[in-house]
Amino acid sequence: MVASRVWRGFGRLGERGPAEGPRLMVLPGFLASDRTTLGLQRALADAGYRVSGWGLGLNTGVRADTLERIVSRVEWFGAGRPLILIGWSLGGIYAREVAKLRPDLVGKVVTMGTPFSGDRRANNAWRLYEWVAGHPVGAPALRADVAAKPPVPTLALWSRRDGMVAPACARGVEGQSDWQVELDCSHMGFAVHGRAYPKIIEAIRDFS
């Protein structure tokens, strides 16, 4: 099991999938990178999407220029067309905030195990986050109202057995996302478990 997950992180990085497929960018979670999500990127590419990682290395938390750098990547990869932003955990916070800043660049947002609702300490990583990022989880360089829904269609994927983020925080309440779909996987499983990929792809396709 562990070996297969490690194996999924090997291979080239960069764009993959049909050149004319719907464009989709995957934003990694905290202390993850494009290699962590490479298995998911491959699965999405095999499903017909033109896929890219975020291209910004290891996600070590929110910085003053984080959203600006992601916007630049989205502008480049989208090539003038709105794309789908899919964010895992903290990456989903980024995806939602980028869509609020530049809805012209983002057609849809998909979050996976993302704590966009409720108490920002309702997870098992907030102490590590504060130590690595150097600021409180409640005061990052983002908008004050992280829970506010972006002005684009927004899908929240969540799991009762997430184990890292409180399920209610990843599911949200009415008005914070347009659609919520429950998956049966761990927090890491969203990005690295092959059995979760078909359900993720199905949810994205159904979200029209």
Foldseek 3Di string as FASTA:
>chain_A
DVVQLLVLLDDDAFKAADPPFAEEEEEEAAQDFCSNQSNLQVLVRVVHYTYHYQPPGTHLDFDLCVLVSSLVSLCVRCVQQAGEYEYAAVGLLSQQQNCQVCVSRHAEYEYELYQQDDDQPQFDCQVVSCVRVVHHSCDGNGDNRSQAGRPHAYEFEFECQQRGHHRCRRQDDPRSHDYYDYDHDYSSCCRRPPVCSVVVSVVVVVRD
